[in-house]
Amino acid sequence: MTDTPRVMILNGPNLGRLGVREPEIYGHASMADLREAADDWGARLGLDVEVRQTDDEAQIVGWLHEAVDSRSHVVLNPAAFTHYSYALRDAAAQVTTSSLLLVEVHLSNPAARESFRHYSVVAGIATGTVAGFGFDSYRLALEAIAHKLSH
């Protein structure tokens, strides 16, 4: 078993369409590009990083349970689930109440968009939130986790 901290980057619905879906909001990079960048960032930060994406609420809830069971920290982009999925919120709360870190991430800044995007059911239980920096939001979240773990 390795002592390298594990981080699961979990992505919700429609994020598998990165690079194609509304590139003026979400950018031109794809999920494959995110996986490649996350591997590089993780290696630089001393983190074992795995990127996953699903459009299925039950799948992401299961992954959050897996994170607790495997003692993995989480970078979570809940996408549309951000605003209404109490099942996801409750699963994410199990991460933080298990003394693991969970950083909520958004490519865009939800507070600067449509009013229905302004509320996050996840924010209140997350360790922190990074939003509005495109793919750099993920990098910043990983840096925050690495920093917290080193102190």
N, C-alpha and C. Protein backbone atom coordinates (compact mmCIF):
# COMPACT_ATOMS: atom_id res chain seq x y z
N MET A 1 0.84 -1.18 0.00
CA MET A 1 0.00 0.00 0.00
C MET A 1 0.88 1.25 0.00
N THR A 2 0.48 2.22 -0.74
CA THR A 2 1.26 3.46 -0.87
C THR A 2 0.83 4.48 0.17
N ASP A 3 1.77 5.34 0.55
CA ASP A 3 1.45 6.44 1.45
C ASP A 3 1.03 7.69 0.68
N THR A 4 1.02 7.61 -0.65
CA THR A 4 0.62 8.74 -1.47
C THR A 4 -0.87 9.00 -1.28
N PRO A 5 -1.23 10.20 -0.89
CA PRO A 5 -2.66 10.50 -0.72
C PRO A 5 -3.41 10.34 -2.04
N ARG A 6 -4.57 9.73 -1.95
CA ARG A 6 -5.41 9.50 -3.12
C ARG A 6 -6.48 10.58 -3.21
N VAL A 7 -6.72 11.07 -4.43
CA VAL A 7 -7.75 12.06 -4.69
C VAL A 7 -8.58 11.59 -5.88
N MET A 8 -9.87 11.51 -5.68
CA MET A 8 -10.79 11.20 -6.75
C MET A 8 -11.38 12.52 -7.26
N ILE A 9 -11.23 12.79 -8.55
CA ILE A 9 -11.87 13.94 -9.18
C ILE A 9 -13.14 13.41 -9.83
N LEU A 10 -14.27 13.78 -9.26
CA LEU A 10 -15.56 13.26 -9.70
C LEU A 10 -16.35 14.36 -10.41
N ASN A 11 -16.83 14.04 -11.58
CA ASN A 11 -17.53 14.99 -12.43
C ASN A 11 -18.92 14.50 -12.76
N GLY A 12 -19.88 15.41 -12.66
CA GLY A 12 -21.28 15.08 -12.89
C GLY A 12 -21.73 15.25 -14.32
N PRO A 13 -23.05 15.39 -14.49
CA PRO A 13 -23.67 15.32 -15.81
C PRO A 13 -23.21 16.39 -16.79
N ASN A 14 -23.13 15.95 -18.02
CA ASN A 14 -22.78 16.76 -19.20
C ASN A 14 -21.31 17.13 -19.27
N LEU A 15 -20.53 16.84 -18.24
CA LEU A 15 -19.11 17.19 -18.29
C LEU A 15 -18.32 16.26 -19.21
N GLY A 16 -18.89 15.14 -19.58
CA GLY A 16 -18.29 14.30 -20.60
C GLY A 16 -18.30 14.96 -21.97
N ARG A 17 -19.05 16.05 -22.10
CA ARG A 17 -19.17 16.80 -23.34
C ARG A 17 -18.24 18.01 -23.37
N LEU A 18 -17.31 18.08 -22.41
CA LEU A 18 -16.37 19.20 -22.40
C LEU A 18 -15.66 19.30 -23.74
N GLY A 19 -15.44 20.53 -24.17
CA GLY A 19 -14.80 20.78 -25.44
C GLY A 19 -15.80 20.92 -26.58
N VAL A 20 -17.01 20.37 -26.37
CA VAL A 20 -18.07 20.41 -27.38
C VAL A 20 -19.23 21.27 -26.88
N ARG A 21 -19.58 21.10 -25.61
CA ARG A 21 -20.73 21.79 -25.03
C ARG A 21 -20.35 23.21 -24.61
N GLU A 22 -21.00 24.18 -25.19
CA GLU A 22 -20.84 25.59 -24.82
C GLU A 22 -19.38 25.97 -24.50
N PRO A 23 -18.50 25.85 -25.48
CA PRO A 23 -17.08 26.13 -25.21
C PRO A 23 -16.83 27.57 -24.74
N GLU A 24 -17.73 28.49 -25.07
CA GLU A 24 -17.57 29.86 -24.59
C GLU A 24 -17.73 29.96 -23.08
N ILE A 25 -18.38 28.97 -22.47
CA ILE A 25 -18.53 28.92 -21.01
C ILE A 25 -17.56 27.92 -20.40
N TYR A 26 -17.48 26.73 -21.00
CA TYR A 26 -16.73 25.62 -20.39
C TYR A 26 -15.35 25.38 -21.00
N GLY A 27 -15.01 26.12 -22.06
CA GLY A 27 -13.69 25.98 -22.66
C GLY A 27 -13.66 24.94 -23.77
N HIS A 28 -12.50 24.80 -24.37
CA HIS A 28 -12.32 23.91 -25.51
C HIS A 28 -11.66 22.59 -25.14
N ALA A 29 -11.16 22.47 -23.93
CA ALA A 29 -10.48 21.24 -23.51
C ALA A 29 -11.52 20.16 -23.20
N SER A 30 -11.14 18.92 -23.41
CA SER A 30 -12.03 17.77 -23.23
C SER A 30 -11.79 17.08 -21.89
N MET A 31 -12.62 16.11 -21.59
CA MET A 31 -12.43 15.30 -20.38
C MET A 31 -11.10 14.55 -20.47
N ALA A 32 -10.73 14.10 -21.66
CA ALA A 32 -9.42 13.45 -21.83
C ALA A 32 -8.29 14.42 -21.50
N ASP A 33 -8.45 15.68 -21.89
CA ASP A 33 -7.45 16.70 -21.55
C ASP A 33 -7.38 16.89 -20.04
N LEU A 34 -8.53 16.86 -19.37
CA LEU A 34 -8.54 17.00 -17.92
C LEU A 34 -7.83 15.82 -17.26
N ARG A 35 -8.07 14.63 -17.75
CA ARG A 35 -7.38 13.45 -17.18
C ARG A 35 -5.87 13.60 -17.30
N GLU A 36 -5.41 14.02 -18.47
CA GLU A 36 -3.97 14.20 -18.69
C GLU A 36 -3.40 15.28 -17.78
N ALA A 37 -4.08 16.41 -17.70
CA ALA A 37 -3.61 17.51 -16.85
C ALA A 37 -3.62 17.09 -15.38
N ALA A 38 -4.67 16.40 -14.96
CA ALA A 38 -4.77 15.97 -13.55
C ALA A 38 -3.66 15.00 -13.19
N ASP A 39 -3.30 14.11 -14.10
CA ASP A 39 -2.17 13.21 -13.85
C ASP A 39 -0.89 14.01 -13.62
N ASP A 40 -0.66 15.03 -14.44
CA ASP A 40 0.54 15.86 -14.30
C ASP A 40 0.50 16.65 -12.99
N TRP A 41 -0.64 17.28 -12.69
CA TRP A 41 -0.75 18.04 -11.45
C TRP A 41 -0.55 17.14 -10.24
N GLY A 42 -1.19 15.97 -10.27
CA GLY A 42 -1.07 15.03 -9.15
C GLY A 42 0.38 14.60 -8.93
N ALA A 43 1.06 14.28 -10.01
CA ALA A 43 2.47 13.86 -9.90
C ALA A 43 3.31 14.98 -9.29
N ARG A 44 3.07 16.20 -9.74
CA ARG A 44 3.83 17.35 -9.21
C ARG A 44 3.54 17.59 -7.74
N LEU A 45 2.31 17.33 -7.32
CA LEU A 45 1.88 17.61 -5.94
C LEU A 45 2.02 16.42 -5.00
N GLY A 46 2.44 15.28 -5.52
CA GLY A 46 2.56 14.08 -4.69
C GLY A 46 1.22 13.47 -4.34
N LEU A 47 0.27 13.54 -5.28
CA LEU A 47 -1.06 12.98 -5.08
C LEU A 47 -1.33 11.92 -6.15
N ASP A 48 -2.01 10.86 -5.76
CA ASP A 48 -2.48 9.84 -6.69
C ASP A 48 -3.88 10.26 -7.12
N VAL A 49 -4.02 10.74 -8.34
CA VAL A 49 -5.27 11.36 -8.81
C VAL A 49 -5.94 10.45 -9.84
N GLU A 50 -7.24 10.31 -9.69
CA GLU A 50 -8.05 9.58 -10.66
C GLU A 50 -9.25 10.45 -11.04
N VAL A 51 -9.49 10.60 -12.34
CA VAL A 51 -10.61 11.41 -12.85
C VAL A 51 -11.72 10.48 -13.33
N ARG A 52 -12.94 10.78 -12.88
CA ARG A 52 -14.12 10.03 -13.33
C ARG A 52 -15.22 11.01 -13.72
N GLN A 53 -16.09 10.56 -14.61
CA GLN A 53 -17.25 11.37 -15.02
C GLN A 53 -18.44 10.46 -15.25
N THR A 54 -19.61 10.94 -14.83
CA THR A 54 -20.85 10.21 -15.07
C THR A 54 -22.01 11.19 -15.22
N ASP A 55 -23.01 10.75 -15.96
CA ASP A 55 -24.26 11.50 -16.05
C ASP A 55 -25.29 10.93 -15.08
N ASP A 56 -24.91 9.91 -14.32
CA ASP A 56 -25.82 9.14 -13.47
C ASP A 56 -25.64 9.54 -12.00
N GLU A 57 -26.69 10.06 -11.41
CA GLU A 57 -26.64 10.49 -10.01
C GLU A 57 -26.26 9.35 -9.07
N ALA A 58 -26.84 8.18 -9.29
CA ALA A 58 -26.54 7.03 -8.42
C ALA A 58 -25.07 6.64 -8.50
N GLN A 59 -24.48 6.75 -9.68
CA GLN A 59 -23.06 6.41 -9.86
C GLN A 59 -22.17 7.35 -9.06
N ILE A 60 -22.43 8.63 -9.12
CA ILE A 60 -21.58 9.58 -8.40
C ILE A 60 -21.77 9.42 -6.89
N VAL A 61 -22.98 9.12 -6.44
CA VAL A 61 -23.21 8.83 -5.02
C VAL A 61 -22.38 7.61 -4.61
N GLY A 62 -22.39 6.57 -5.43
CA GLY A 62 -21.58 5.38 -5.16
C GLY A 62 -20.10 5.67 -5.10
N TRP A 63 -19.63 6.55 -5.99
CA TRP A 63 -18.22 6.93 -5.97
C TRP A 63 -17.86 7.68 -4.69
N LEU A 64 -18.76 8.51 -4.21
CA LEU A 64 -18.51 9.21 -2.94
C LEU A 64 -18.43 8.22 -1.79
N HIS A 65 -19.28 7.21 -1.80
CA HIS A 65 -19.18 6.15 -0.78
C HIS A 65 -17.83 5.43 -0.89
N GLU A 66 -17.42 5.15 -2.13
CA GLU A 66 -16.12 4.51 -2.37
C GLU A 66 -14.98 5.37 -1.84
N ALA A 67 -15.09 6.68 -2.01
CA ALA A 67 -14.05 7.59 -1.51
C ALA A 67 -13.91 7.46 0.00
N VAL A 68 -15.03 7.40 0.70
CA VAL A 68 -14.99 7.23 2.16
C VAL A 68 -14.33 5.90 2.50
N ASP A 69 -14.77 4.84 1.87
CA ASP A 69 -14.27 3.49 2.18
C ASP A 69 -12.79 3.32 1.85
N SER A 70 -12.32 4.01 0.80
CA SER A 70 -10.91 3.88 0.39
C SER A 70 -10.03 5.00 0.95
N ARG A 71 -10.63 5.88 1.78
CA ARG A 71 -9.91 7.00 2.40
C ARG A 71 -9.30 7.91 1.34
N SER A 72 -10.11 8.24 0.34
CA SER A 72 -9.70 9.13 -0.74
C SER A 72 -10.31 10.51 -0.55
N HIS A 73 -9.52 11.53 -0.76
CA HIS A 73 -10.03 12.89 -0.77
C HIS A 73 -10.76 13.09 -2.11
N VAL A 74 -11.57 14.14 -2.19
CA VAL A 74 -12.42 14.31 -3.37
C VAL A 74 -12.37 15.74 -3.88
N VAL A 75 -12.23 15.87 -5.19
CA VAL A 75 -12.51 17.11 -5.91
C VAL A 75 -13.79 16.80 -6.67
N LEU A 76 -14.85 17.55 -6.37
CA LEU A 76 -16.17 17.24 -6.90
C LEU A 76 -16.72 18.38 -7.74
N ASN A 77 -16.97 18.10 -9.01
CA ASN A 77 -17.71 19.03 -9.85
C ASN A 77 -19.09 18.39 -10.04
N PRO A 78 -20.05 18.76 -9.20
CA PRO A 78 -21.36 18.13 -9.27
C PRO A 78 -22.18 18.55 -10.48
N ALA A 79 -21.72 19.57 -11.22
CA ALA A 79 -22.45 20.09 -12.38
C ALA A 79 -23.88 20.40 -11.98
N ALA A 80 -24.86 20.00 -12.77
CA ALA A 80 -26.26 20.34 -12.47
C ALA A 80 -26.73 19.79 -11.13
N PHE A 81 -26.13 18.70 -10.65
CA PHE A 81 -26.52 18.14 -9.35
C PHE A 81 -26.24 19.12 -8.21
N THR A 82 -25.38 20.09 -8.46
CA THR A 82 -25.03 21.11 -7.47
C THR A 82 -26.26 21.74 -6.83
N HIS A 83 -27.26 21.96 -7.62
CA HIS A 83 -28.36 22.82 -7.23
C HIS A 83 -29.55 22.11 -6.61
N TYR A 84 -29.58 20.77 -6.68
CA TYR A 84 -30.79 20.10 -6.19
C TYR A 84 -30.59 18.69 -5.65
N SER A 85 -29.43 18.08 -5.83
CA SER A 85 -29.28 16.68 -5.45
C SER A 85 -28.91 16.53 -3.97
N TYR A 86 -29.92 16.31 -3.17
CA TYR A 86 -29.69 16.09 -1.75
C TYR A 86 -29.07 14.72 -1.50
N ALA A 87 -29.30 13.77 -2.40
CA ALA A 87 -28.64 12.47 -2.29
C ALA A 87 -27.13 12.65 -2.44
N LEU A 88 -26.72 13.45 -3.42
CA LEU A 88 -25.30 13.73 -3.62
C LEU A 88 -24.74 14.51 -2.44
N ARG A 89 -25.49 15.49 -1.96
CA ARG A 89 -25.06 16.28 -0.80
C ARG A 89 -24.82 15.40 0.41
N ASP A 90 -25.74 14.47 0.67
CA ASP A 90 -25.61 13.59 1.83
C ASP A 90 -24.42 12.64 1.68
N ALA A 91 -24.18 12.15 0.46
CA ALA A 91 -23.02 11.30 0.23
C ALA A 91 -21.72 12.10 0.37
N ALA A 92 -21.72 13.33 -0.12
CA ALA A 92 -20.54 14.19 0.01
C ALA A 92 -20.26 14.52 1.47
N ALA A 93 -21.32 14.68 2.26
CA ALA A 93 -21.15 14.96 3.69
C ALA A 93 -20.45 13.81 4.40
N GLN A 94 -20.65 12.59 3.92
CA GLN A 94 -19.96 11.44 4.52
C GLN A 94 -18.45 11.55 4.32
N VAL A 95 -18.04 12.17 3.22
CA VAL A 95 -16.61 12.37 2.96
C VAL A 95 -16.03 13.31 4.02
N THR A 96 -16.63 14.47 4.18
CA THR A 96 -16.06 15.45 5.10
C THR A 96 -16.23 15.06 6.56
N THR A 97 -17.29 14.34 6.90
CA THR A 97 -17.44 13.90 8.30
C THR A 97 -16.55 12.71 8.61
N SER A 98 -15.88 12.18 7.58
CA SER A 98 -14.90 11.10 7.78
C SER A 98 -13.48 11.64 7.82
N SER A 99 -13.36 12.95 8.07
CA SER A 99 -12.06 13.62 8.15
C SER A 99 -11.29 13.58 6.84
N LEU A 100 -12.01 13.53 5.74
CA LEU A 100 -11.41 13.63 4.41
C LEU A 100 -11.74 15.00 3.84
N LEU A 101 -10.94 15.44 2.88
CA LEU A 101 -11.17 16.74 2.25
C LEU A 101 -12.05 16.57 1.02
N LEU A 102 -12.95 17.53 0.82
CA LEU A 102 -13.79 17.56 -0.36
C LEU A 102 -13.86 19.00 -0.84
N VAL A 103 -13.34 19.22 -2.06
CA VAL A 103 -13.37 20.55 -2.65
C VAL A 103 -14.37 20.54 -3.80
N GLU A 104 -15.37 21.41 -3.68
CA GLU A 104 -16.35 21.59 -4.76
C GLU A 104 -15.70 22.47 -5.82
N VAL A 105 -15.85 22.07 -7.08
CA VAL A 105 -15.21 22.76 -8.19
C VAL A 105 -16.24 23.07 -9.27
N HIS A 106 -16.09 24.24 -9.88
CA HIS A 106 -16.88 24.59 -11.06
C HIS A 106 -15.98 25.29 -12.06
N LEU A 107 -16.14 24.95 -13.32
CA LEU A 107 -15.37 25.59 -14.39
C LEU A 107 -15.74 27.06 -14.53
N SER A 108 -17.04 27.32 -14.51
CA SER A 108 -17.52 28.70 -14.59
C SER A 108 -17.85 29.17 -13.17
N ASN A 109 -18.25 30.42 -13.05
CA ASN A 109 -18.66 30.96 -11.76
C ASN A 109 -20.18 30.92 -11.69
N PRO A 110 -20.77 29.94 -10.97
CA PRO A 110 -22.22 29.83 -10.94
C PRO A 110 -22.92 31.10 -10.44
N ALA A 111 -22.28 31.85 -9.56
CA ALA A 111 -22.89 33.06 -9.01
C ALA A 111 -23.03 34.17 -10.06
N ALA A 112 -22.27 34.05 -11.15
CA ALA A 112 -22.33 35.05 -12.21
C ALA A 112 -23.22 34.61 -13.37
N ARG A 113 -23.92 33.49 -13.16
CA ARG A 113 -24.75 32.94 -14.24
C ARG A 113 -26.24 33.02 -13.88
N GLU A 114 -27.05 32.20 -14.47
CA GLU A 114 -28.49 32.23 -14.23
C GLU A 114 -28.79 32.03 -12.75
N SER A 115 -29.88 32.63 -12.29
CA SER A 115 -30.19 32.62 -10.85
C SER A 115 -30.36 31.21 -10.30
N PHE A 116 -30.86 30.27 -11.09
CA PHE A 116 -31.03 28.90 -10.57
C PHE A 116 -29.70 28.23 -10.25
N ARG A 117 -28.59 28.78 -10.77
CA ARG A 117 -27.27 28.22 -10.50
C ARG A 117 -26.61 28.83 -9.25
N HIS A 118 -27.24 29.77 -8.63
CA HIS A 118 -26.61 30.49 -7.52
C HIS A 118 -26.54 29.69 -6.24
N TYR A 119 -27.37 28.68 -6.06
CA TYR A 119 -27.39 27.93 -4.81
C TYR A 119 -26.76 26.56 -4.99
N SER A 120 -25.89 26.19 -4.06
CA SER A 120 -25.26 24.87 -4.06
C SER A 120 -25.66 24.12 -2.80
N VAL A 121 -26.21 22.93 -2.97
CA VAL A 121 -26.52 22.09 -1.81
C VAL A 121 -25.26 21.45 -1.24
N VAL A 122 -24.16 21.49 -2.00
CA VAL A 122 -22.90 20.88 -1.59
C VAL A 122 -22.01 21.85 -0.81
N ALA A 123 -22.09 23.12 -1.10
CA ALA A 123 -21.17 24.11 -0.54
C ALA A 123 -21.10 24.07 0.99
N GLY A 124 -22.21 23.86 1.64
CA GLY A 124 -22.24 23.91 3.10
C GLY A 124 -21.51 22.77 3.79
N ILE A 125 -21.26 21.68 3.06
CA ILE A 125 -20.55 20.55 3.68
C ILE A 125 -19.15 20.37 3.09
N ALA A 126 -18.83 21.13 2.04
CA ALA A 126 -17.52 21.01 1.40
C ALA A 126 -16.44 21.66 2.26
N THR A 127 -15.23 21.16 2.13
CA THR A 127 -14.08 21.80 2.78
C THR A 127 -13.88 23.19 2.21
N GLY A 128 -14.09 23.33 0.91
CA GLY A 128 -13.96 24.61 0.22
C GLY A 128 -14.49 24.51 -1.18
N THR A 129 -14.56 25.65 -1.85
CA THR A 129 -15.09 25.72 -3.22
C THR A 129 -14.15 26.56 -4.08
N VAL A 130 -13.91 26.09 -5.30
CA VAL A 130 -13.13 26.83 -6.29
C VAL A 130 -14.00 26.91 -7.55
N ALA A 131 -14.23 28.12 -8.03
CA ALA A 131 -15.11 28.28 -9.19
C ALA A 131 -14.64 29.44 -10.06
N GLY A 132 -14.87 29.26 -11.36
CA GLY A 132 -14.68 30.36 -12.29
C GLY A 132 -13.34 30.42 -12.98
N PHE A 133 -12.48 29.43 -12.78
CA PHE A 133 -11.14 29.47 -13.36
C PHE A 133 -10.92 28.41 -14.44
N GLY A 134 -12.00 27.92 -15.02
CA GLY A 134 -11.87 26.89 -16.04
C GLY A 134 -11.17 25.66 -15.49
N PHE A 135 -10.32 25.03 -16.31
CA PHE A 135 -9.60 23.84 -15.85
C PHE A 135 -8.69 24.16 -14.67
N ASP A 136 -8.25 25.39 -14.56
CA ASP A 136 -7.41 25.76 -13.42
C ASP A 136 -8.16 25.60 -12.09
N SER A 137 -9.49 25.58 -12.12
CA SER A 137 -10.24 25.32 -10.88
C SER A 137 -9.84 23.96 -10.29
N TYR A 138 -9.66 22.97 -11.15
CA TYR A 138 -9.24 21.64 -10.68
C TYR A 138 -7.82 21.68 -10.11
N ARG A 139 -6.93 22.37 -10.83
CA ARG A 139 -5.54 22.48 -10.35
C ARG A 139 -5.50 23.17 -8.99
N LEU A 140 -6.25 24.26 -8.86
CA LEU A 140 -6.28 24.99 -7.60
C LEU A 140 -6.85 24.12 -6.47
N ALA A 141 -7.85 23.32 -6.78
CA ALA A 141 -8.42 22.41 -5.77
C ALA A 141 -7.39 21.38 -5.33
N LEU A 142 -6.66 20.81 -6.28
CA LEU A 142 -5.62 19.83 -5.93
C LEU A 142 -4.51 20.49 -5.12
N GLU A 143 -4.13 21.70 -5.48
CA GLU A 143 -3.12 22.43 -4.70
C GLU A 143 -3.61 22.69 -3.28
N ALA A 144 -4.87 23.03 -3.13
CA ALA A 144 -5.44 23.26 -1.80
C ALA A 144 -5.39 21.98 -0.97
N ILE A 145 -5.74 20.86 -1.58
CA ILE A 145 -5.70 19.58 -0.86
C ILE A 145 -4.27 19.25 -0.45
N ALA A 146 -3.34 19.37 -1.39
CA ALA A 146 -1.93 19.06 -1.08
C ALA A 146 -1.44 19.97 0.05
N HIS A 147 -1.80 21.24 0.01
CA HIS A 147 -1.38 22.18 1.06
C HIS A 147 -1.96 21.79 2.41
N LYS A 148 -3.26 21.49 2.46
CA LYS A 148 -3.89 21.11 3.72
C LYS A 148 -3.28 19.83 4.30
N LEU A 149 -2.96 18.90 3.41
CA LEU A 149 -2.39 17.63 3.88
C LEU A 149 -0.98 17.78 4.41
N SER A 150 -0.28 18.82 3.93
CA SER A 150 1.11 19.03 4.37
C SER A 150 1.22 19.82 5.66
N HIS A 151 0.08 20.31 6.16
CA HIS A 151 0.10 21.12 7.39
C HIS A 151 -0.67 20.48 8.51
